[in-house]
Amino acid sequence: MTAALPHPMRPTARPPEAAALDSLRAGLERVFLDAGETLIAMEARFAELRGPLAELVDRAPCVIEAADGYARQLARSVGTLDDDLGRCNGDLDTLRRQVDALSATVATVARSVRMMQFVTTNARIQVFALRPRHAKLESFADNARALLDHSLATLADVQAITVELSSHLRNLARRRLPGLRAEVAALRPGFEALCGAVAGFREDRRNESAFGRPLAALLDRLQAAFDGVIVSLQTGDRASQRIDHAGQIHERAASDPDAGWLVGLADAQLAGAFGDLRDETATITATLAASVGRFDEIAGNGGTGSVEGRLRAFADLRSAVERARLAVEAIRSRREGVLASAESVTGNIADLRRVLADVSSLAEDLRLVGTNAVLACAELGGEGAALREIAGQLRLLASDSAAQLREMRDALSDSDARISDLIGELQGRTARTIAGIEGAGAAVASDLDRVCQAGRIVTDGIAALASSLHATVPETCEAMQAQVACLADLAASPGAAALPSAGADPDAELVPFWLLYSMESEREIHRDFCRGLGLAEPGEVGAGPPEELDIFF
């Protein structure tokens, strides 16, 4: 604050008026200094909010759009997954029926093989009864018996594999895929609720004002207003200087009876300081009150808990996305279980195809044995007629069994292709659909988490800033207005105007005060005072350079 300039005639003991002005001046300086510090602290809080607020301004609208797209993608994906799984389930039912039919065919072939065993046993008895013995026919009989025993053992393996395969298919068709499909269907209400949450959040205009550009623009305007108020607070510095000057004039008037006429100048300067301080203080308090009101309006603090409610809405949206993401992850785990079962079916079919190839080869060998036996029996003439008949039956049964086994192998190839397609569907399209919504959900959840964190910082900052504004601004305004009222009391009781005594030298008295002035308004009051007393205006007196303001905060 500008220190009181020394006056060559300043007395040691100060008059009561000067003491009162000194007290007023000290209070004025303290109040305006506190006001400046308060506003600078507020601006520091504005700066703390700019980073997270920028995050909201830049990302929140995009995140809401992404969440909306994710919710719609989920809703579409549920339908796609349901269609895919329904188609897979139908294919599995078809496959299971084919495997059951295959099992019935295997049972038929097994009966044929047992019949061939009976025929071969009769033929072997007759062959070994031949005299002389017929080595070639005995070899055919032994080979046929060995082939048939091997065929029955292999068919038993086929039946075991078909039973296991049917069990796996039944598990897939009746438990795993329906369970996965039911779980997918159960997601639909949650995904639809997420769509509703996003739509409701986007339609809530309060969120746009609380988490968007209007709040950032308001902070810019509020900071600009506070900058202007900080500049305006220089009024306190000017008023302090003018009060000091008026106090010095009062001191001079009280120090010499011949200078008593200077009281009128001191009162005029005090009244001018009051008018200037009153007008500027009214502007400052009005600006501060309007800024706080606008902040309440935009930030939503007018309604109890509205800011917290909006943040909860954002947090709820993030929780909904996270629940959806976890549900999709659970679907992925279940799909992997279904895929593992389907791969087990593929392994069963590979085993079955290998065993059927062995059985088919055995049946072909039996047919060749029967053909060779027929040719060998022809060498026996009439004695071999019965054996020829038996060998023909064996050849016919072997041919029929070989044909049935080929049909089984072809049907199995079709089943293998179907299960391969099903696995490809689960590994390909279904997996891509799940992975796509899972990846999108993770990205949206991460973005929402960032926005929620920024929203929490901004919301907490806004609440703290609003609380501080409501706690400090009215108090600051009241303190400033109280100082204006004190100055009004002192300026409201001016002393009686008096003329200089006959022996006084007015110019000598006035020039030191003229040199004190740093503001044109003080000089204008001084001139008016001189004109009122009929004294020469101090225009001819050389005034020093204006004193630079000492801004005290």
Protein backbone atom coordinates (compact mmCIF):
# COMPACT_ATOMS: atom_id res chain seq x y z
CA MET A 1 0.00 0.00 0.00
CA THR A 2 1.24 3.52 -0.71
CA ALA A 3 2.79 4.94 2.43
CA ALA A 4 1.70 8.34 3.71
CA LEU A 5 3.87 11.01 2.19
CA PRO A 6 5.61 13.26 4.72
CA HIS A 7 4.27 16.78 5.06
CA PRO A 8 6.61 19.51 6.20
CA MET A 9 4.05 20.68 8.73
CA ARG A 10 2.83 17.26 10.01
CA PRO A 11 2.35 17.53 13.82
CA THR A 12 3.52 14.92 16.25
CA ALA A 13 0.07 14.45 17.88
CA ARG A 14 -2.63 13.41 15.42
CA PRO A 15 -6.22 14.74 15.54
CA PRO A 16 -9.15 12.32 16.09
CA GLU A 17 -10.33 12.68 12.48
CA ALA A 18 -6.95 11.57 11.13
CA ALA A 19 -6.83 8.64 13.55
CA ALA A 20 -10.29 7.50 12.44
CA LEU A 21 -9.21 7.74 8.83
CA ASP A 22 -6.07 5.74 9.55
CA SER A 23 -8.17 3.00 11.13
CA LEU A 24 -10.58 3.04 8.18
CA ARG A 25 -7.70 2.92 5.75
CA ALA A 26 -6.12 -0.09 7.50
CA GLY A 27 -9.44 -1.96 7.47
CA LEU A 28 -10.02 -1.10 3.80
CA GLU A 29 -6.60 -2.37 2.82
CA ARG A 30 -7.09 -5.59 4.76
CA VAL A 31 -10.55 -6.27 3.25
CA PHE A 32 -9.53 -5.60 -0.34
CA LEU A 33 -6.30 -7.58 0.09
CA ASP A 34 -8.29 -10.55 1.43
CA ALA A 35 -10.72 -10.23 -1.47
CA GLY A 36 -7.87 -10.32 -3.99
CA GLU A 37 -6.29 -13.35 -2.36
CA THR A 38 -9.66 -15.11 -2.31
CA LEU A 39 -10.19 -14.56 -6.01
CA ILE A 40 -6.66 -15.68 -6.87
CA ALA A 41 -7.25 -18.88 -4.86
CA MET A 42 -10.49 -19.42 -6.82
CA GLU A 43 -8.62 -19.06 -10.09
CA ALA A 44 -6.14 -21.70 -8.91
CA ARG A 45 -9.08 -24.04 -8.39
CA PHE A 46 -10.29 -23.26 -11.89
CA ALA A 47 -6.88 -24.32 -13.21
CA GLU A 48 -7.09 -27.62 -11.31
CA LEU A 49 -10.40 -28.42 -12.99
CA ARG A 50 -9.30 -27.69 -16.54
CA GLY A 51 -7.45 -30.97 -17.13
CA PRO A 52 -10.23 -33.37 -16.08
CA LEU A 53 -12.84 -31.05 -17.55
CA ALA A 54 -11.05 -31.18 -20.89
CA GLU A 55 -11.16 -34.97 -20.61
CA LEU A 56 -14.91 -34.79 -20.18
CA VAL A 57 -15.43 -32.25 -22.95
CA ASP A 58 -13.33 -34.26 -25.41
CA ARG A 59 -14.24 -37.82 -24.46
CA ALA A 60 -17.64 -37.94 -22.75
CA PRO A 61 -19.74 -37.39 -25.92
CA CYS A 62 -17.63 -39.91 -27.83
CA VAL A 63 -17.85 -42.43 -25.00
CA ILE A 64 -21.62 -42.06 -24.82
CA GLU A 65 -21.83 -42.68 -28.56
CA ALA A 66 -19.48 -45.68 -28.20
CA ALA A 67 -21.58 -47.07 -25.35
CA ASP A 68 -24.70 -46.60 -27.47
CA GLY A 69 -23.04 -48.42 -30.39
CA TYR A 70 -21.87 -51.18 -28.05
CA ALA A 71 -25.35 -51.63 -26.61
CA ARG A 72 -26.82 -51.86 -30.10
CA GLN A 73 -24.07 -54.28 -31.13
CA LEU A 74 -24.88 -56.45 -28.13
CA ALA A 75 -28.56 -56.49 -29.01
CA ARG A 76 -27.76 -57.47 -32.61
CA SER A 77 -25.18 -60.03 -31.55
CA VAL A 78 -27.64 -61.80 -29.26
CA GLY A 79 -29.91 -62.39 -32.23
CA THR A 80 -27.00 -63.53 -34.40
CA LEU A 81 -25.67 -65.88 -31.74
CA ASP A 82 -29.14 -67.32 -31.13
CA ASP A 83 -29.56 -68.00 -34.86
CA ASP A 84 -26.09 -69.56 -35.14
CA LEU A 85 -26.54 -71.73 -32.07
CA GLY A 86 -30.02 -72.78 -33.18
CA ARG A 87 -28.60 -73.86 -36.53
CA CYS A 88 -25.76 -75.74 -34.81
CA ASN A 89 -28.27 -77.44 -32.54
CA GLY A 90 -30.28 -78.59 -35.53
CA ASP A 91 -27.14 -79.95 -37.17
CA LEU A 92 -26.27 -81.82 -34.00
CA ASP A 93 -29.71 -83.43 -33.87
CA THR A 94 -29.24 -84.56 -37.47
CA LEU A 95 -25.81 -85.92 -36.69
CA ARG A 96 -27.07 -87.78 -33.66
CA ARG A 97 -29.81 -89.43 -35.73
CA GLN A 98 -27.22 -90.41 -38.33
CA VAL A 99 -24.99 -91.92 -35.67
CA ASP A 100 -27.94 -93.83 -34.20
CA ALA A 101 -28.72 -95.12 -37.70
CA LEU A 102 -25.06 -96.04 -38.07
CA SER A 103 -25.24 -97.98 -34.84
CA ALA A 104 -28.23 -99.91 -36.14
CA THR A 105 -26.35 -100.69 -39.37
CA VAL A 106 -23.36 -101.92 -37.36
CA ALA A 107 -25.71 -104.25 -35.45
CA THR A 108 -27.04 -105.59 -38.76
CA VAL A 109 -23.53 -106.16 -40.10
CA ALA A 110 -22.61 -107.88 -36.84
CA ARG A 111 -25.52 -110.27 -37.28
CA SER A 112 -24.32 -110.96 -40.82
CA VAL A 113 -20.84 -111.67 -39.56
CA ARG A 114 -22.18 -114.08 -36.94
CA MET A 115 -24.19 -115.77 -39.70
CA MET A 116 -20.98 -116.00 -41.73
CA GLN A 117 -19.31 -117.55 -38.69
CA PHE A 118 -22.02 -120.22 -38.60
CA VAL A 119 -21.68 -120.86 -42.35
CA THR A 120 -17.90 -120.94 -42.10
CA THR A 121 -18.06 -123.40 -39.21
CA ASN A 122 -20.25 -125.79 -41.27
CA ALA A 123 -17.94 -125.44 -44.26
CA ARG A 124 -14.88 -126.07 -42.11
CA ILE A 125 -16.43 -129.26 -40.69
CA GLN A 126 -17.08 -130.53 -44.18
CA VAL A 127 -13.67 -129.48 -45.48
CA PHE A 128 -11.82 -131.28 -42.73
CA ALA A 129 -14.03 -134.37 -43.33
CA LEU A 130 -12.76 -134.67 -46.92
CA ARG A 131 -10.58 -137.61 -47.76
CA PRO A 132 -8.05 -137.17 -49.02
CA ARG A 133 -7.62 -133.90 -47.20
CA HIS A 134 -7.74 -130.70 -49.23
CA ALA A 135 -5.07 -128.31 -47.97
CA LYS A 136 -6.23 -125.30 -50.00
CA LEU A 137 -9.80 -125.52 -48.76
CA GLU A 138 -8.62 -126.05 -45.18
CA SER A 139 -6.53 -122.86 -45.51
CA PHE A 140 -9.55 -120.96 -46.83
CA ALA A 141 -11.64 -122.19 -43.91
CA ASP A 142 -9.02 -121.19 -41.32
CA ASN A 143 -8.55 -117.73 -42.94
CA ALA A 144 -12.30 -117.15 -43.07
CA ARG A 145 -12.68 -118.03 -39.39
CA ALA A 146 -9.79 -115.70 -38.41
CA LEU A 147 -11.18 -112.86 -40.55
CA LEU A 148 -14.63 -113.25 -39.04
CA ASP A 149 -13.29 -113.29 -35.49
CA HIS A 150 -11.30 -110.13 -36.26
CA SER A 151 -14.35 -108.54 -37.86
CA LEU A 152 -16.53 -109.18 -34.84
CA ALA A 153 -13.89 -107.69 -32.52
CA THR A 154 -13.58 -104.65 -34.76
CA LEU A 155 -17.35 -104.25 -34.97
CA ALA A 156 -17.45 -104.33 -31.18
CA ASP A 157 -15.02 -101.38 -31.25
CA VAL A 158 -17.29 -99.65 -33.75
CA GLN A 159 -20.28 -100.12 -31.49
CA ALA A 160 -18.36 -98.77 -28.48
CA ILE A 161 -17.25 -95.73 -30.48
CA THR A 162 -20.78 -95.07 -31.78
CA VAL A 163 -22.17 -95.29 -28.26
CA GLU A 164 -19.58 -92.77 -27.02
CA LEU A 165 -20.16 -90.56 -30.08
CA SER A 166 -23.91 -90.63 -29.60
CA SER A 167 -23.42 -89.72 -25.94
CA HIS A 168 -21.24 -86.74 -26.87
CA LEU A 169 -23.71 -85.61 -29.50
CA ARG A 170 -26.60 -86.00 -27.09
CA ASN A 171 -24.67 -83.97 -24.51
CA LEU A 172 -24.00 -81.26 -27.09
CA ALA A 173 -27.49 -81.20 -28.56
CA ARG A 174 -29.48 -81.47 -25.35
CA ARG A 175 -27.33 -79.84 -22.69
CA ARG A 176 -24.35 -77.79 -23.80
CA LEU A 177 -25.71 -75.98 -26.83
CA PRO A 178 -29.19 -75.41 -25.37
CA GLY A 179 -27.51 -74.17 -22.17
CA LEU A 180 -25.34 -71.79 -24.17
CA ARG A 181 -28.33 -70.69 -26.19
CA ALA A 182 -30.39 -70.10 -23.03
CA GLU A 183 -27.55 -68.11 -21.52
CA VAL A 184 -27.32 -66.00 -24.67
CA ALA A 185 -31.07 -65.42 -24.58
CA ALA A 186 -30.82 -64.41 -20.91
CA LEU A 187 -28.43 -61.64 -21.94
CA ARG A 188 -31.06 -59.88 -24.02
CA PRO A 189 -32.92 -58.10 -21.16
CA GLY A 190 -29.63 -56.83 -19.72
CA PHE A 191 -28.46 -55.60 -23.10
CA GLU A 192 -31.81 -53.94 -23.76
CA ALA A 193 -31.59 -52.28 -20.34
CA LEU A 194 -28.13 -51.03 -21.28
CA CYS A 195 -29.59 -49.54 -24.47
CA GLY A 196 -32.23 -47.81 -22.35
CA ALA A 197 -29.62 -46.53 -19.90
CA VAL A 198 -27.55 -45.05 -22.71
CA ALA A 199 -30.59 -43.49 -24.34
CA GLY A 200 -31.78 -42.04 -21.03
CA PHE A 201 -28.34 -40.69 -20.27
CA ARG A 202 -28.08 -39.03 -23.66
CA GLU A 203 -31.53 -37.49 -23.32
CA ASP A 204 -30.73 -36.01 -19.90
CA ARG A 205 -29.83 -32.45 -20.83
CA ARG A 206 -28.46 -31.81 -17.36
CA ASN A 207 -25.58 -34.12 -18.12
CA GLU A 208 -24.78 -32.17 -21.24
CA SER A 209 -24.57 -28.98 -19.18
CA ALA A 210 -22.67 -30.58 -16.32
CA PHE A 211 -20.22 -32.66 -18.33
CA GLY A 212 -19.72 -30.64 -21.47
CA ARG A 213 -18.57 -27.49 -23.10
CA PRO A 214 -20.98 -25.13 -21.29
CA LEU A 215 -19.22 -25.80 -18.00
CA ALA A 216 -15.80 -25.25 -19.57
CA ALA A 217 -17.05 -22.03 -21.18
CA LEU A 218 -18.52 -20.96 -17.84
CA LEU A 219 -15.20 -21.45 -16.10
CA ASP A 220 -13.54 -19.33 -18.78
CA ARG A 221 -16.13 -16.58 -18.31
CA LEU A 222 -15.94 -16.87 -14.54
CA GLN A 223 -12.16 -16.59 -14.60
CA ALA A 224 -12.39 -13.58 -16.93
CA ALA A 225 -14.90 -11.98 -14.54
CA PHE A 226 -12.64 -12.66 -11.59
CA ASP A 227 -9.69 -11.21 -13.51
CA GLY A 228 -11.76 -8.09 -14.08
CA VAL A 229 -12.71 -7.95 -10.40
CA ILE A 230 -9.07 -8.33 -9.39
CA VAL A 231 -8.25 -5.34 -11.55
CA SER A 232 -11.23 -3.47 -10.12
CA LEU A 233 -9.97 -4.13 -6.61
CA GLN A 234 -7.37 -1.48 -7.32
CA THR A 235 -10.21 0.81 -6.30
CA GLY A 236 -9.35 -0.07 -2.75
CA ASP A 237 -5.79 1.04 -3.33
CA ARG A 238 -6.96 4.34 -4.84
CA ALA A 239 -9.45 4.88 -2.02
CA SER A 240 -6.73 4.16 0.53
CA GLN A 241 -4.49 6.79 -1.04
CA ARG A 242 -7.27 9.36 -1.13
CA ILE A 243 -8.19 8.64 2.50
CA ASP A 244 -4.52 9.09 3.39
CA HIS A 245 -4.39 12.39 1.56
CA ALA A 246 -7.60 13.57 3.28
CA GLY A 247 -6.08 12.55 6.63
CA GLN A 248 -2.99 14.61 5.96
CA ILE A 249 -5.12 17.62 5.09
CA HIS A 250 -7.09 17.14 8.31
CA GLU A 251 -3.85 16.99 10.26
CA ARG A 252 -2.70 20.25 8.74
CA ALA A 253 -6.03 21.91 9.44
CA ALA A 254 -5.89 20.81 13.07
CA SER A 255 -2.28 21.85 13.55
CA ASP A 256 -2.73 25.55 12.88
CA PRO A 257 -5.81 27.70 13.60
CA ASP A 258 -5.03 29.72 10.48
CA ALA A 259 -5.25 26.48 8.37
CA GLY A 260 -8.68 25.43 9.69
CA TRP A 261 -10.24 26.36 6.37
CA LEU A 262 -8.52 23.25 4.87
CA VAL A 263 -11.10 21.00 6.58
CA GLY A 264 -13.44 21.68 3.69
CA LEU A 265 -10.84 20.37 1.22
CA ALA A 266 -10.24 17.28 3.36
CA ASP A 267 -13.98 16.55 3.55
CA ALA A 268 -14.38 17.08 -0.21
CA GLN A 269 -11.55 14.65 -0.94
CA LEU A 270 -13.06 12.15 1.51
CA ALA A 271 -16.47 12.46 -0.16
CA GLY A 272 -14.87 11.89 -3.55
CA ALA A 273 -13.09 8.78 -2.27
CA PHE A 274 -16.39 7.51 -0.86
CA GLY A 275 -18.26 8.01 -4.13
CA ASP A 276 -15.56 6.25 -6.13
CA LEU A 277 -15.33 3.34 -3.67
CA ARG A 278 -19.12 3.00 -3.38
CA ASP A 279 -19.66 2.75 -7.14
CA GLU A 280 -16.78 0.36 -7.77
CA THR A 281 -17.72 -1.83 -4.80
CA ALA A 282 -21.30 -2.05 -6.05
CA THR A 283 -20.02 -3.17 -9.46
CA ILE A 284 -17.63 -5.70 -7.91
CA THR A 285 -20.23 -7.26 -5.59
CA ALA A 286 -22.82 -7.40 -8.39
CA THR A 287 -20.30 -9.14 -10.68
CA LEU A 288 -19.37 -11.67 -7.99
CA ALA A 289 -23.00 -12.41 -7.12
CA ALA A 290 -23.92 -12.84 -10.79
CA SER A 291 -20.94 -15.17 -11.34
CA VAL A 292 -21.91 -17.36 -8.40
CA GLY A 293 -25.52 -17.48 -9.58
CA ARG A 294 -24.49 -18.43 -13.10
CA PHE A 295 -22.15 -21.10 -11.74
CA ASP A 296 -24.99 -22.60 -9.71
CA GLU A 297 -27.24 -22.60 -12.75
CA ILE A 298 -24.81 -24.31 -15.14
CA ALA A 299 -23.13 -26.65 -12.68
CA GLY A 300 -26.50 -27.84 -11.39
CA ASN A 301 -25.91 -27.06 -7.75
CA GLY A 302 -29.34 -25.50 -7.50
CA GLY A 303 -30.92 -28.95 -7.04
CA THR A 304 -29.91 -31.02 -4.05
CA GLY A 305 -27.59 -33.83 -5.10
CA SER A 306 -28.08 -33.24 -8.82
CA VAL A 307 -24.35 -33.29 -9.61
CA GLU A 308 -23.86 -36.47 -7.59
CA GLY A 309 -26.91 -37.94 -9.29
CA ARG A 310 -25.44 -37.30 -12.72
CA LEU A 311 -22.15 -38.85 -11.72
CA ARG A 312 -24.02 -41.89 -10.38
CA ALA A 313 -25.75 -42.16 -13.74
CA PHE A 314 -22.38 -42.25 -15.45
CA ALA A 315 -21.03 -44.77 -12.95
CA ASP A 316 -24.18 -46.92 -13.38
CA LEU A 317 -23.67 -46.84 -17.12
CA ARG A 318 -20.10 -47.99 -16.68
CA SER A 319 -21.27 -50.80 -14.34
CA ALA A 320 -23.87 -51.88 -16.89
CA VAL A 321 -21.23 -52.07 -19.62
CA GLU A 322 -18.94 -54.02 -17.31
CA ARG A 323 -21.73 -56.47 -16.47
CA ALA A 324 -22.40 -56.93 -20.16
CA ARG A 325 -18.71 -57.49 -20.82
CA LEU A 326 -18.48 -60.10 -18.04
CA ALA A 327 -21.62 -61.82 -19.35
CA VAL A 328 -20.06 -62.01 -22.81
CA GLU A 329 -16.87 -63.37 -21.25
CA ALA A 330 -18.93 -66.07 -19.53
CA ILE A 331 -20.52 -66.88 -22.90
CA ARG A 332 -17.04 -67.19 -24.37
CA SER A 333 -16.03 -69.66 -21.63
CA ARG A 334 -19.17 -71.70 -22.22
CA ARG A 335 -18.57 -71.61 -25.99
CA GLU A 336 -15.08 -72.98 -25.40
CA GLY A 337 -16.65 -75.84 -23.42
CA VAL A 338 -19.01 -76.54 -26.30
CA LEU A 339 -16.09 -76.39 -28.70
CA ALA A 340 -14.14 -78.89 -26.59
CA SER A 341 -17.09 -81.29 -26.69
CA ALA A 342 -17.41 -80.81 -30.43
CA GLU A 343 -13.74 -81.59 -30.86
CA SER A 344 -14.26 -84.77 -28.84
CA VAL A 345 -16.96 -85.70 -31.36
CA THR A 346 -14.48 -85.05 -34.15
CA GLY A 347 -12.03 -87.39 -32.45
CA ASN A 348 -14.71 -90.07 -32.14
CA ILE A 349 -15.58 -89.74 -35.81
CA ALA A 350 -11.91 -90.04 -36.78
CA ASP A 351 -11.64 -93.23 -34.71
CA LEU A 352 -14.86 -94.54 -36.19
CA ARG A 353 -13.73 -93.80 -39.72
CA ARG A 354 -10.47 -95.66 -39.12
CA VAL A 355 -12.22 -98.71 -37.62
CA LEU A 356 -14.85 -98.84 -40.35
CA ALA A 357 -12.08 -98.79 -42.93
CA ASP A 358 -10.60 -101.85 -41.19
CA VAL A 359 -13.97 -103.63 -41.11
CA SER A 360 -14.63 -102.79 -44.75
CA SER A 361 -11.25 -104.20 -45.68
CA LEU A 362 -12.00 -107.37 -43.72
CA ALA A 363 -15.34 -107.76 -45.50
CA GLU A 364 -13.59 -107.42 -48.85
CA ASP A 365 -11.07 -110.06 -47.77
CA LEU A 366 -13.95 -112.37 -46.81
CA ARG A 367 -15.53 -111.89 -50.21
CA LEU A 368 -12.24 -112.87 -51.86
CA VAL A 369 -11.93 -115.90 -49.59
CA GLY A 370 -15.45 -116.96 -50.60
CA THR A 371 -14.67 -116.50 -54.29
CA ASN A 372 -11.47 -118.54 -54.03
CA ALA A 373 -13.32 -121.22 -52.06
CA VAL A 374 -15.90 -121.48 -54.83
CA LEU A 375 -13.15 -121.94 -57.40
CA ALA A 376 -11.40 -124.54 -55.25
CA CYS A 377 -14.63 -126.49 -54.75
CA ALA A 378 -15.04 -126.74 -58.51
CA GLU A 379 -11.94 -128.90 -58.55
CA LEU A 380 -13.73 -131.50 -56.39
CA GLY A 381 -16.40 -132.16 -58.97
CA GLY A 382 -19.69 -133.54 -57.59
CA GLU A 383 -18.16 -134.07 -54.17
CA GLY A 384 -17.63 -130.33 -53.77
CA ALA A 385 -21.18 -129.24 -54.69
CA ALA A 386 -22.23 -128.73 -51.07
CA LEU A 387 -19.05 -126.84 -50.31
CA ARG A 388 -19.57 -124.74 -53.40
CA GLU A 389 -22.98 -123.75 -52.10
CA ILE A 390 -21.58 -122.84 -48.69
CA ALA A 391 -18.73 -120.79 -50.24
CA GLY A 392 -21.24 -118.94 -52.43
CA GLN A 393 -23.31 -118.01 -49.37
CA LEU A 394 -20.18 -116.80 -47.62
CA ARG A 395 -19.21 -114.70 -50.63
CA LEU A 396 -22.71 -113.21 -50.87
CA LEU A 397 -22.86 -112.35 -47.17
CA ALA A 398 -19.37 -110.79 -47.35
CA SER A 399 -20.37 -108.72 -50.40
CA ASP A 400 -23.52 -107.46 -48.68
CA SER A 401 -21.59 -106.58 -45.53
CA ALA A 402 -18.90 -104.80 -47.55
CA ALA A 403 -21.59 -102.73 -49.32
CA GLN A 404 -23.23 -101.82 -46.01
CA LEU A 405 -19.88 -100.84 -44.53
CA ARG A 406 -19.13 -98.64 -47.55
CA GLU A 407 -22.47 -96.92 -47.06
CA MET A 408 -21.62 -96.44 -43.39
CA ARG A 409 -18.24 -94.99 -44.32
CA ASP A 410 -19.84 -92.58 -46.80
CA ALA A 411 -22.46 -91.51 -44.25
CA LEU A 412 -19.69 -91.04 -41.74
CA SER A 413 -17.82 -88.79 -44.16
CA ASP A 414 -20.95 -86.64 -44.44
CA SER A 415 -21.24 -86.55 -40.64
CA ASP A 416 -17.57 -85.67 -40.40
CA ALA A 417 -18.12 -82.77 -42.78
CA ARG A 418 -21.11 -81.58 -40.77
CA ILE A 419 -19.27 -81.67 -37.45
CA SER A 420 -16.31 -79.94 -39.09
CA ASP A 421 -18.66 -77.21 -40.30
CA LEU A 422 -20.16 -76.95 -36.82
CA ILE A 423 -16.73 -76.63 -35.23
CA GLY A 424 -15.77 -74.12 -37.88
CA GLU A 425 -18.91 -72.16 -37.04
CA LEU A 426 -18.08 -72.18 -33.33
CA GLN A 427 -14.43 -71.37 -33.97
CA GLY A 428 -15.13 -68.84 -36.69
CA ARG A 429 -18.27 -66.75 -36.87
CA THR A 430 -19.52 -67.37 -33.34
CA ALA A 431 -16.05 -66.82 -31.90
CA ARG A 432 -15.62 -63.62 -33.94
CA THR A 433 -19.00 -62.34 -32.81
CA ILE A 434 -18.20 -62.99 -29.16
CA ALA A 435 -14.65 -61.65 -29.47
CA GLY A 436 -15.94 -58.54 -31.23
CA ILE A 437 -18.46 -57.62 -28.55
CA GLU A 438 -16.03 -58.66 -25.83
CA GLY A 439 -13.29 -56.40 -27.22
CA ALA A 440 -15.72 -53.54 -27.77
CA GLY A 441 -17.05 -53.95 -24.24
CA ALA A 442 -13.55 -53.82 -22.77
CA ALA A 443 -12.75 -50.65 -24.75
CA VAL A 444 -16.02 -48.94 -23.81
CA ALA A 445 -15.61 -49.96 -20.15
CA SER A 446 -12.07 -48.53 -20.12
CA ASP A 447 -13.22 -45.27 -21.73
CA LEU A 448 -16.15 -45.00 -19.35
CA ASP A 449 -13.81 -45.62 -16.44
CA ARG A 450 -11.60 -42.73 -17.56
CA VAL A 451 -14.60 -40.47 -17.98
CA CYS A 452 -15.97 -41.53 -14.59
CA GLN A 453 -12.65 -40.70 -12.94
CA ALA A 454 -12.55 -37.34 -14.67
CA GLY A 455 -16.22 -36.83 -13.80
CA ARG A 456 -15.53 -37.58 -10.16
CA ILE A 457 -12.66 -35.08 -10.10
CA VAL A 458 -14.77 -32.44 -11.82
CA THR A 459 -17.82 -33.15 -9.69
CA ASP A 460 -15.85 -33.04 -6.46
CA GLY A 461 -14.04 -29.95 -7.69
CA ILE A 462 -17.30 -28.26 -8.66
CA ALA A 463 -18.86 -29.10 -5.31
CA ALA A 464 -15.82 -27.79 -3.43
CA LEU A 465 -15.68 -24.70 -5.63
CA ALA A 466 -19.39 -24.02 -5.21
CA SER A 467 -19.11 -24.46 -1.46
CA SER A 468 -16.13 -22.12 -1.35
CA LEU A 469 -17.88 -19.56 -3.54
CA HIS A 470 -20.95 -19.59 -1.31
CA ALA A 471 -18.80 -19.40 1.83
CA THR A 472 -16.38 -16.67 0.74
CA VAL A 473 -18.01 -14.46 -1.88
CA PRO A 474 -20.93 -13.22 0.25
CA GLU A 475 -18.59 -12.73 3.19
CA THR A 476 -16.15 -10.81 0.99
CA CYS A 477 -18.93 -8.66 -0.42
CA GLU A 478 -20.28 -7.91 3.07
CA ALA A 479 -16.82 -6.95 4.32
CA MET A 480 -16.31 -4.60 1.37
CA GLN A 481 -19.75 -3.07 1.81
CA ALA A 482 -19.04 -2.63 5.54
CA GLN A 483 -15.93 -0.60 4.69
CA VAL A 484 -17.97 1.50 2.28
CA ALA A 485 -20.52 2.11 5.07
CA CYS A 486 -17.75 3.19 7.48
CA LEU A 487 -16.40 5.60 4.90
CA ALA A 488 -19.95 6.83 4.31
CA ASP A 489 -20.32 7.65 8.01
CA LEU A 490 -17.14 9.72 7.97
CA ALA A 491 -17.95 11.42 4.69
CA ALA A 492 -21.56 12.17 5.70
CA SER A 493 -20.63 14.82 8.31
CA PRO A 494 -18.44 17.43 6.54
CA GLY A 495 -17.09 20.38 8.49
CA ALA A 496 -18.32 23.94 7.95
CA ALA A 497 -16.75 25.75 5.01
CA ALA A 498 -14.45 28.63 6.00
CA LEU A 499 -12.32 31.24 4.22
CA PRO A 500 -8.60 31.61 4.78
CA SER A 501 -7.66 34.22 7.36
CA ALA A 502 -6.41 37.58 6.15
CA GLY A 503 -2.76 36.85 6.87
CA ALA A 504 -2.76 33.30 5.45
CA ASP A 505 -0.98 32.30 2.25
CA PRO A 506 -3.43 29.83 0.54
CA ASP A 507 -1.02 28.83 -2.21
CA ALA A 508 1.67 27.89 0.28
CA GLU A 509 -0.84 25.73 2.13
CA LEU A 510 -2.32 24.11 -0.97
CA VAL A 511 0.73 23.39 -3.08
CA PRO A 512 2.07 20.52 -0.85
CA PHE A 513 -1.27 18.75 -1.09
CA TRP A 514 -1.52 19.32 -4.81
CA LEU A 515 1.81 17.55 -5.16
CA LEU A 516 0.46 14.58 -3.16
CA TYR A 517 -2.31 13.79 -5.63
CA SER A 518 -1.81 10.84 -8.00
CA MET A 519 -5.32 10.84 -9.53
CA GLU A 520 -6.99 13.39 -11.73
CA SER A 521 -10.21 13.10 -9.72
CA GLU A 522 -8.34 14.43 -6.66
CA ARG A 523 -7.01 17.36 -8.66
CA GLU A 524 -10.48 18.14 -9.99
CA ILE A 525 -11.88 18.25 -6.44
CA HIS A 526 -8.96 20.49 -5.46
CA ARG A 527 -9.75 22.88 -8.32
CA ASP A 528 -13.46 22.93 -7.39
CA PHE A 529 -12.47 23.77 -3.80
CA CYS A 530 -10.27 26.65 -4.98
CA ARG A 531 -13.00 27.97 -7.24
CA GLY A 532 -15.51 27.80 -4.40
CA LEU A 533 -13.29 29.95 -2.19
CA GLY A 534 -12.36 32.36 -4.98
CA LEU A 535 -8.75 31.23 -4.92
CA ALA A 536 -6.50 30.92 -7.94
CA GLU A 537 -6.69 27.50 -9.50
CA PRO A 538 -3.44 25.57 -9.23
CA GLY A 539 -3.08 25.17 -12.94
CA GLU A 540 0.05 27.25 -12.90
CA VAL A 541 1.59 25.06 -10.20
CA GLY A 542 3.77 22.30 -11.67
CA ALA A 543 2.51 18.95 -10.51
CA GLY A 544 4.90 16.02 -10.25
CA PRO A 545 4.44 12.83 -12.25
CA PRO A 546 1.45 10.71 -11.23
CA GLU A 547 2.29 8.18 -8.56
CA GLU A 548 2.18 4.63 -9.86
CA LEU A 549 -0.43 2.46 -8.16
CA ASP A 550 0.86 -0.02 -5.63
CA ILE A 551 -1.41 -3.03 -6.16
CA PHE A 552 -1.43 -4.72 -2.79
CA PHE A 553 -2.14 -8.33 -3.73
